């Protein structure tokens, strides 16, 4: 039998023009949505990890980091993200 590969799914293409993206975010009428996009862009977190961030995991005012307690891969892969 012939070997077949599954087609590659590359997802969303990368953003090359950050200035244009920033301008577009400034036109959003929902400020919460605009902040969500900025947060995910700056942190680079996966959607699920970003959705699970809680205030108790944020220590930016004192130490400058964000704890990601359960990233993809589970709690044993927890990490601190400098912000």
PDB file of N, CA and C in Angstrom:
ATOM      1  N   UNK A   1       0.815  -1.194   0.000  1.00  0.00           N
ATOM      2  CA  UNK A   1       0.000   0.000   0.000  1.00  0.00           C
ATOM      3  C   UNK A   1       0.863   1.265   0.000  1.00  0.00           C
ATOM      4  N   UNK A   2       0.298   2.285  -0.570  1.00  0.00           N
ATOM      5  CA  UNK A   2       0.994   3.560  -0.687  1.00  0.00           C
ATOM      6  C   UNK A   2       0.838   4.364   0.609  1.00  0.00           C
ATOM      7  N   UNK A   3       1.917   4.993   1.053  1.00  0.00           N
ATOM      8  CA  UNK A   3       1.904   5.826   2.248  1.00  0.00           C
ATOM      9  C   UNK A   3       1.278   7.178   1.930  1.00  0.00           C
ATOM     10  N   UNK A   4       0.294   7.582   2.727  1.00  0.00           N
ATOM     11  CA  UNK A   4      -0.343   8.881   2.540  1.00  0.00           C
ATOM     12  C   UNK A   4      -0.173   9.712   3.801  1.00  0.00           C
ATOM     13  N   UNK A   5       0.074  10.976   3.618  1.00  0.00           N
ATOM     14  CA  UNK A   5       0.175  11.901   4.742  1.00  0.00           C
ATOM     15  C   UNK A   5      -1.095  12.714   4.851  1.00  0.00           C
ATOM     16  N   UNK A   6      -1.400  13.105   6.094  1.00  0.00           N
ATOM     17  CA  UNK A   6      -2.526  14.017   6.294  1.00  0.00           C
ATOM     18  C   UNK A   6      -2.105  15.389   5.794  1.00  0.00           C
ATOM     19  N   UNK A   7      -3.036  16.131   5.222  1.00  0.00           N
ATOM     20  CA  UNK A   7      -2.689  17.475   4.754  1.00  0.00           C
ATOM     21  C   UNK A   7      -2.302  18.363   5.941  1.00  0.00           C
ATOM     22  N   UNK A   8      -1.338  19.235   5.698  1.00  0.00           N
ATOM     23  CA  UNK A   8      -0.880  20.136   6.740  1.00  0.00           C
ATOM     24  C   UNK A   8      -1.863  21.271   6.925  1.00  0.00           C
ATOM     25  N   UNK A   9      -2.171  21.590   8.173  1.00  0.00           N
ATOM     26  CA  UNK A   9      -3.052  22.713   8.479  1.00  0.00           C
ATOM     27  C   UNK A   9      -2.195  23.790   9.117  1.00  0.00           C
ATOM     28  N   UNK A  10      -1.924  24.833   8.386  1.00  0.00           N
ATOM     29  CA  UNK A  10      -1.038  25.884   8.879  1.00  0.00           C
ATOM     30  C   UNK A  10      -1.753  26.936   9.720  1.00  0.00           C
ATOM     31  N   UNK A  11      -3.070  26.884   9.822  1.00  0.00           N
ATOM     32  CA  UNK A  11      -3.792  27.844  10.647  1.00  0.00           C
ATOM     33  C   UNK A  11      -3.735  29.253  10.092  1.00  0.00           C
ATOM     34  N   UNK A  12      -3.791  30.209  10.989  1.00  0.00           N
ATOM     35  CA  UNK A  12      -3.785  31.616  10.608  1.00  0.00           C
ATOM     36  C   UNK A  12      -2.383  32.053  10.207  1.00  0.00           C
ATOM     37  N   UNK A  13      -2.252  32.765   9.106  1.00  0.00           N
ATOM     38  CA  UNK A  13      -0.915  33.211   8.698  1.00  0.00           C
ATOM     39  C   UNK A  13      -0.360  34.239   9.686  1.00  0.00           C
ATOM     40  N   UNK A  14       0.949  34.341   9.806  1.00  0.00           N
ATOM     41  CA  UNK A  14       1.543  35.297  10.750  1.00  0.00           C
ATOM     42  C   UNK A  14       1.278  36.741  10.344  1.00  0.00           C
ATOM     43  N   UNK A  15       1.329  37.617  11.332  1.00  0.00           N
ATOM     44  CA  UNK A  15       1.144  39.048  11.092  1.00  0.00           C
ATOM     45  C   UNK A  15       2.518  39.649  10.829  1.00  0.00           C
ATOM     46  N   UNK A  16       2.654  40.357   9.729  1.00  0.00           N
ATOM     47  CA  UNK A  16       3.938  40.975   9.388  1.00  0.00           C
ATOM     48  C   UNK A  16       3.942  42.483   9.623  1.00  0.00           C
ATOM     49  N   UNK A  17       2.762  43.093   9.625  1.00  0.00           N
ATOM     50  CA  UNK A  17       2.669  44.535   9.785  1.00  0.00           C
ATOM     51  C   UNK A  17       2.020  44.861  11.133  1.00  0.00           C
ATOM     52  N   UNK A  18       2.839  44.946  12.192  1.00  0.00           N
ATOM     53  CA  UNK A  18       2.313  45.188  13.524  1.00  0.00           C
ATOM     54  C   UNK A  18       1.716  46.585  13.671  1.00  0.00           C
ATOM     55  N   UNK A  19       2.248  47.541  12.931  1.00  0.00           N
ATOM     56  CA  UNK A  19       1.714  48.896  12.990  1.00  0.00           C
ATOM     57  C   UNK A  19       0.270  48.910  12.481  1.00  0.00           C
ATOM     58  N   UNK A  20       0.013  48.224  11.390  1.00  0.00           N
ATOM     59  CA  UNK A  20      -1.341  48.148  10.837  1.00  0.00           C
ATOM     60  C   UNK A  20      -2.269  47.384  11.787  1.00  0.00           C
ATOM     61  N   UNK A  21      -1.746  46.341  12.414  1.00  0.00           N
ATOM     62  CA  UNK A  21      -2.550  45.589  13.368  1.00  0.00           C
ATOM     63  C   UNK A  21      -2.924  46.475  14.559  1.00  0.00           C
ATOM     64  N   UNK A  22      -1.966  47.254  15.072  1.00  0.00           N
ATOM     65  CA  UNK A  22      -2.248  48.173  16.174  1.00  0.00           C
ATOM     66  C   UNK A  22      -3.306  49.193  15.802  1.00  0.00           C
ATOM     67  N   UNK A  23      -3.230  49.712  14.595  1.00  0.00           N
ATOM     68  CA  UNK A  23      -4.224  50.680  14.122  1.00  0.00           C
ATOM     69  C   UNK A  23      -5.598  50.028  14.045  1.00  0.00           C
ATOM     70  N   UNK A  24      -5.643  48.787  13.586  1.00  0.00           N
ATOM     71  CA  UNK A  24      -6.918  48.076  13.489  1.00  0.00           C
ATOM     72  C   UNK A  24      -7.497  47.818  14.883  1.00  0.00           C
ATOM     73  N   UNK A  25      -6.647  47.461  15.837  1.00  0.00           N
ATOM     74  CA  UNK A  25      -7.127  47.233  17.203  1.00  0.00           C
ATOM     75  C   UNK A  25      -7.701  48.511  17.803  1.00  0.00           C
ATOM     76  N   UNK A  26      -7.119  49.650  17.452  1.00  0.00           N
ATOM     77  CA  UNK A  26      -7.613  50.929  17.961  1.00  0.00           C
ATOM     78  C   UNK A  26      -8.988  51.292  17.408  1.00  0.00           C
ATOM     79  N   UNK A  27      -9.409  50.642  16.327  1.00  0.00           N
ATOM     80  CA  UNK A  27     -10.719  50.938  15.745  1.00  0.00           C
ATOM     81  C   UNK A  27     -11.823  50.037  16.298  1.00  0.00           C
ATOM     82  N   UNK A  28     -11.462  49.024  17.076  1.00  0.00           N
ATOM     83  CA  UNK A  28     -12.486  48.142  17.641  1.00  0.00           C
ATOM     84  C   UNK A  28     -13.356  48.923  18.622  1.00  0.00           C
ATOM     85  N   UNK A  29     -14.662  48.713  18.545  1.00  0.00           N
ATOM     86  CA  UNK A  29     -15.576  49.443  19.428  1.00  0.00           C
ATOM     87  C   UNK A  29     -15.685  48.806  20.802  1.00  0.00           C
ATOM     88  N   UNK A  30     -15.300  47.560  20.934  1.00  0.00           N
ATOM     89  CA  UNK A  30     -15.349  46.866  22.222  1.00  0.00           C
ATOM     90  C   UNK A  30     -13.950  46.896  22.840  1.00  0.00           C
ATOM     91  N   UNK A  31     -13.723  47.699  23.899  1.00  0.00           N
ATOM     92  CA  UNK A  31     -12.393  47.816  24.477  1.00  0.00           C
ATOM     93  C   UNK A  31     -11.894  46.516  25.122  1.00  0.00           C
ATOM     94  N   UNK A  32     -12.813  45.696  25.614  1.00  0.00           N
ATOM     95  CA  UNK A  32     -12.419  44.419  26.211  1.00  0.00           C
ATOM     96  C   UNK A  32     -11.840  43.503  25.135  1.00  0.00           C
ATOM     97  N   UNK A  33     -12.487  43.453  23.995  1.00  0.00           N
ATOM     98  CA  UNK A  33     -12.004  42.636  22.881  1.00  0.00           C
ATOM     99  C   UNK A  33     -10.653  43.144  22.387  1.00  0.00           C
ATOM    100  N   UNK A  34     -10.494  44.444  22.302  1.00  0.00           N
ATOM    101  CA  UNK A  34      -9.216  45.017  21.875  1.00  0.00           C
ATOM    102  C   UNK A  34      -8.103  44.641  22.855  1.00  0.00           C
ATOM    103  N   UNK A  35      -8.395  44.722  24.156  1.00  0.00           N
ATOM    104  CA  UNK A  35      -7.396  44.338  25.156  1.00  0.00           C
ATOM    105  C   UNK A  35      -7.080  42.851  25.097  1.00  0.00           C
ATOM    106  N   UNK A  36      -8.099  42.027  24.813  1.00  0.00           N
ATOM    107  CA  UNK A  36      -7.882  40.583  24.673  1.00  0.00           C
ATOM    108  C   UNK A  36      -6.871  40.307  23.553  1.00  0.00           C
ATOM    109  N   UNK A  37      -7.078  40.964  22.406  1.00  0.00           N
ATOM    110  CA  UNK A  37      -6.167  40.753  21.278  1.00  0.00           C
ATOM    111  C   UNK A  37      -4.760  41.237  21.613  1.00  0.00           C
ATOM    112  N   UNK A  38      -4.657  42.369  22.299  1.00  0.00           N
ATOM    113  CA  UNK A  38      -3.335  42.871  22.702  1.00  0.00           C
ATOM    114  C   UNK A  38      -2.651  41.897  23.653  1.00  0.00           C
ATOM    115  N   UNK A  39      -3.405  41.391  24.628  1.00  0.00           N
ATOM    116  CA  UNK A  39      -2.858  40.450  25.613  1.00  0.00           C
ATOM    117  C   UNK A  39      -2.333  39.189  24.939  1.00  0.00           C
ATOM    118  N   UNK A  40      -3.117  38.608  24.049  1.00  0.00           N
ATOM    119  CA  UNK A  40      -2.670  37.381  23.390  1.00  0.00           C
ATOM    120  C   UNK A  40      -1.502  37.653  22.436  1.00  0.00           C
ATOM    121  N   UNK A  41      -1.493  38.808  21.819  1.00  0.00           N
ATOM    122  CA  UNK A  41      -0.390  39.168  20.926  1.00  0.00           C
ATOM    123  C   UNK A  41       0.909  39.352  21.707  1.00  0.00           C
ATOM    124  N   UNK A  42       0.837  40.066  22.830  1.00  0.00           N
ATOM    125  CA  UNK A  42       2.039  40.361  23.614  1.00  0.00           C
ATOM    126  C   UNK A  42       2.574  39.122  24.316  1.00  0.00           C
ATOM    127  N   UNK A  43       1.689  38.297  24.876  1.00  0.00           N
ATOM    128  CA  UNK A  43       2.146  37.126  25.630  1.00  0.00           C
ATOM    129  C   UNK A  43       2.466  35.936  24.731  1.00  0.00           C
ATOM    130  N   UNK A  44       1.798  35.840  23.588  1.00  0.00           N
ATOM    131  CA  UNK A  44       2.007  34.685  22.719  1.00  0.00           C
ATOM    132  C   UNK A  44       1.362  33.416  23.251  1.00  0.00           C
ATOM    133  N   UNK A  45       0.450  33.567  24.214  1.00  0.00           N
ATOM    134  CA  UNK A  45      -0.201  32.396  24.803  1.00  0.00           C
ATOM    135  C   UNK A  45      -1.179  31.758  23.845  1.00  0.00           C
ATOM    136  N   UNK A  46      -1.351  30.463  24.003  1.00  0.00           N
ATOM    137  CA  UNK A  46      -2.407  29.767  23.275  1.00  0.00           C
ATOM    138  C   UNK A  46      -3.747  30.254  23.814  1.00  0.00           C
ATOM    139  N   UNK A  47      -4.788  30.102  23.019  1.00  0.00           N
ATOM    140  CA  UNK A  47      -6.111  30.595  23.395  1.00  0.00           C
ATOM    141  C   UNK A  47      -6.554  30.040  24.745  1.00  0.00           C
ATOM    142  N   UNK A  48      -6.452  28.732  24.934  1.00  0.00           N
ATOM    143  CA  UNK A  48      -6.902  28.113  26.178  1.00  0.00           C
ATOM    144  C   UNK A  48      -6.104  28.613  27.371  1.00  0.00           C
ATOM    145  N   UNK A  49      -4.795  28.730  27.232  1.00  0.00           N
ATOM    146  CA  UNK A  49      -3.977  29.241  28.334  1.00  0.00           C
ATOM    147  C   UNK A  49      -4.343  30.676  28.666  1.00  0.00           C
ATOM    148  N   UNK A  50      -4.576  31.492  27.653  1.00  0.00           N
ATOM    149  CA  UNK A  50      -4.940  32.884  27.886  1.00  0.00           C
ATOM    150  C   UNK A  50      -6.308  32.983  28.563  1.00  0.00           C
ATOM    151  N   UNK A  51      -7.228  32.101  28.196  1.00  0.00           N
ATOM    152  CA  UNK A  51      -8.559  32.131  28.797  1.00  0.00           C
ATOM    153  C   UNK A  51      -8.561  31.704  30.261  1.00  0.00           C
ATOM    154  N   UNK A  52      -7.556  30.956  30.685  1.00  0.00           N
ATOM    155  CA  UNK A  52      -7.527  30.460  32.064  1.00  0.00           C
ATOM    156  C   UNK A  52      -6.723  31.348  33.003  1.00  0.00           C
ATOM    157  N   UNK A  53      -6.189  32.458  32.524  1.00  0.00           N
ATOM    158  CA  UNK A  53      -5.431  33.371  33.388  1.00  0.00           C
ATOM    159  C   UNK A  53      -6.367  33.967  34.439  1.00  0.00           C
ATOM    160  N   UNK A  54      -5.918  33.940  35.689  1.00  0.00           N
ATOM    161  CA  UNK A  54      -6.669  34.507  36.807  1.00  0.00           C
ATOM    162  C   UNK A  54      -5.812  35.555  37.488  1.00  0.00           C
ATOM    163  N   UNK A  55      -6.466  36.497  38.175  1.00  0.00           N
ATOM    164  CA  UNK A  55      -5.725  37.560  38.842  1.00  0.00           C
ATOM    165  C   UNK A  55      -4.709  37.007  39.829  1.00  0.00           C
ATOM    166  N   UNK A  56      -5.013  35.884  40.470  1.00  0.00           N
ATOM    167  CA  UNK A  56      -4.067  35.306  41.439  1.00  0.00           C
ATOM    168  C   UNK A  56      -2.767  34.852  40.759  1.00  0.00           C
ATOM    169  N   UNK A  57      -2.810  34.665  39.444  1.00  0.00           N
ATOM    170  CA  UNK A  57      -1.630  34.235  38.703  1.00  0.00           C
ATOM    171  C   UNK A  57      -0.788  35.411  38.208  1.00  0.00           C
ATOM    172  N   UNK A  58      -1.294  36.618  38.405  1.00  0.00           N
ATOM    173  CA  UNK A  58      -0.602  37.810  37.923  1.00  0.00           C
ATOM    174  C   UNK A  58       0.133  38.469  39.081  1.00  0.00           C
ATOM    175  N   UNK A  59       1.437  38.637  38.935  1.00  0.00           N
ATOM    176  CA  UNK A  59       2.229  39.290  39.965  1.00  0.00           C
ATOM    177  C   UNK A  59       3.031  40.423  39.339  1.00  0.00           C
ATOM    178  N   UNK A  60       2.453  41.051  38.326  1.00  0.00           N
ATOM    179  CA  UNK A  60       3.168  42.051  37.539  1.00  0.00           C
ATOM    180  C   UNK A  60       3.551  43.277  38.347  1.00  0.00           C
ATOM    181  N   UNK A  61       2.728  43.665  39.308  1.00  0.00           N
ATOM    182  CA  UNK A  61       3.011  44.883  40.055  1.00  0.00           C
ATOM    183  C   UNK A  61       4.228  44.723  40.970  1.00  0.00           C
ATOM    184  N   UNK A  62       4.455  43.520  41.475  1.00  0.00           N
ATOM    185  CA  UNK A  62       5.586  43.311  42.383  1.00  0.00           C
ATOM    186  C   UNK A  62       6.801  42.698  41.698  1.00  0.00           C
ATOM    187  N   UNK A  63       6.586  41.653  40.949  1.00  0.00           N
ATOM    188  CA  UNK A  63       7.704  40.888  40.402  1.00  0.00           C
ATOM    189  C   UNK A  63       7.841  40.948  38.890  1.00  0.00           C
ATOM    190  N   UNK A  64       6.769  41.268  38.182  1.00  0.00           N
ATOM    191  CA  UNK A  64       6.827  41.366  36.736  1.00  0.00           C
ATOM    192  C   UNK A  64       6.701  40.045  36.010  1.00  0.00           C
ATOM    193  N   UNK A  65       5.873  39.117  36.531  1.00  0.00           N
ATOM    194  CA  UNK A  65       5.670  37.853  35.838  1.00  0.00           C
ATOM    195  C   UNK A  65       4.218  37.416  35.922  1.00  0.00           C
ATOM    196  N   UNK A  66       3.871  36.500  35.039  1.00  0.00           N
ATOM    197  CA  UNK A  66       2.543  35.910  34.975  1.00  0.00           C
ATOM    198  C   UNK A  66       2.723  34.403  35.056  1.00  0.00           C
ATOM    199  N   UNK A  67       2.071  33.765  36.019  1.00  0.00           N
ATOM    200  CA  UNK A  67       2.156  32.317  36.171  1.00  0.00           C
ATOM    201  C   UNK A  67       1.149  31.657  35.249  1.00  0.00           C
ATOM    202  N   UNK A  68       1.609  30.692  34.483  1.00  0.00           N
ATOM    203  CA  UNK A  68       0.725  29.871  33.646  1.00  0.00           C
ATOM    204  C   UNK A  68       0.724  28.490  34.298  1.00  0.00           C
ATOM    205  N   UNK A  69      -0.273  28.220  35.175  1.00  0.00           N
ATOM    206  CA  UNK A  69      -0.238  27.003  35.986  1.00  0.00           C
ATOM    207  C   UNK A  69      -0.569  25.710  35.246  1.00  0.00           C
ATOM    208  N   UNK A  70      -1.369  25.788  34.186  1.00  0.00           N
ATOM    209  CA  UNK A  70      -1.734  24.567  33.462  1.00  0.00           C
ATOM    210  C   UNK A  70      -1.720  24.788  31.957  1.00  0.00           C
ATOM    211  N   UNK A  71      -0.535  24.920  31.369  1.00  0.00           N
ATOM    212  CA  UNK A  71      -0.465  25.073  29.911  1.00  0.00           C
ATOM    213  C   UNK A  71      -0.764  23.749  29.218  1.00  0.00           C
ATOM    214  N   UNK A  72      -0.755  23.766  27.909  1.00  0.00           N
ATOM    215  CA  UNK A  72      -0.893  22.517  27.161  1.00  0.00           C
ATOM    216  C   UNK A  72       0.246  21.613  27.623  1.00  0.00           C
ATOM    217  N   UNK A  73      -0.081  20.420  28.025  1.00  0.00           N
ATOM    218  CA  UNK A  73       0.916  19.515  28.576  1.00  0.00           C
ATOM    219  C   UNK A  73       0.723  19.294  30.069  1.00  0.00           C
ATOM    220  N   UNK A  74      -0.161  20.090  30.684  1.00  0.00           N
ATOM    221  CA  UNK A  74      -0.506  19.862  32.075  1.00  0.00           C
ATOM    222  C   UNK A  74       0.304  20.664  33.075  1.00  0.00           C
ATOM    223  N   UNK A  75      -0.033  20.490  34.365  1.00  0.00           N
ATOM    224  CA  UNK A  75       0.590  21.273  35.431  1.00  0.00           C
ATOM    225  C   UNK A  75       2.101  21.068  35.563  1.00  0.00           C
ATOM    226  N   UNK A  76       2.602  19.927  35.164  1.00  0.00           N
ATOM    227  CA  UNK A  76       4.058  19.708  35.288  1.00  0.00           C
ATOM    228  C   UNK A  76       4.851  20.604  34.330  1.00  0.00           C
ATOM    229  N   UNK A  77       4.149  21.216  33.377  1.00  0.00           N
ATOM    230  CA  UNK A  77       4.802  22.139  32.439  1.00  0.00           C
ATOM    231  C   UNK A  77       4.509  23.601  32.771  1.00  0.00           C
ATOM    232  N   UNK A  78       4.021  23.868  33.969  1.00  0.00           N
ATOM    233  CA  UNK A  78       3.724  25.238  34.399  1.00  0.00           C
ATOM    234  C   UNK A  78       4.979  26.111  34.234  1.00  0.00           C
ATOM    235  N   UNK A  79       4.766  27.380  33.938  1.00  0.00           N
ATOM    236  CA  UNK A  79       5.907  28.282  33.760  1.00  0.00           C
ATOM    237  C   UNK A  79       5.505  29.691  34.131  1.00  0.00           C
ATOM    238  N   UNK A  80       6.526  30.524  34.353  1.00  0.00           N
ATOM    239  CA  UNK A  80       6.313  31.936  34.624  1.00  0.00           C
ATOM    240  C   UNK A  80       6.707  32.726  33.387  1.00  0.00           C
ATOM    241  N   UNK A  81       5.821  33.612  32.987  1.00  0.00           N
ATOM    242  CA  UNK A  81       6.024  34.417  31.789  1.00  0.00           C
ATOM    243  C   UNK A  81       6.344  35.849  32.207  1.00  0.00           C
ATOM    244  N   UNK A  82       7.520  36.367  31.884  1.00  0.00           N
ATOM    245  CA  UNK A  82       7.829  37.759  32.246  1.00  0.00           C
ATOM    246  C   UNK A  82       6.958  38.730  31.455  1.00  0.00           C
ATOM    247  N   UNK A  83       6.446  39.724  32.165  1.00  0.00           N
ATOM    248  CA  UNK A  83       5.617  40.735  31.487  1.00  0.00           C
ATOM    249  C   UNK A  83       6.070  42.127  31.886  1.00  0.00           C
TER     250      UNK A  83
END
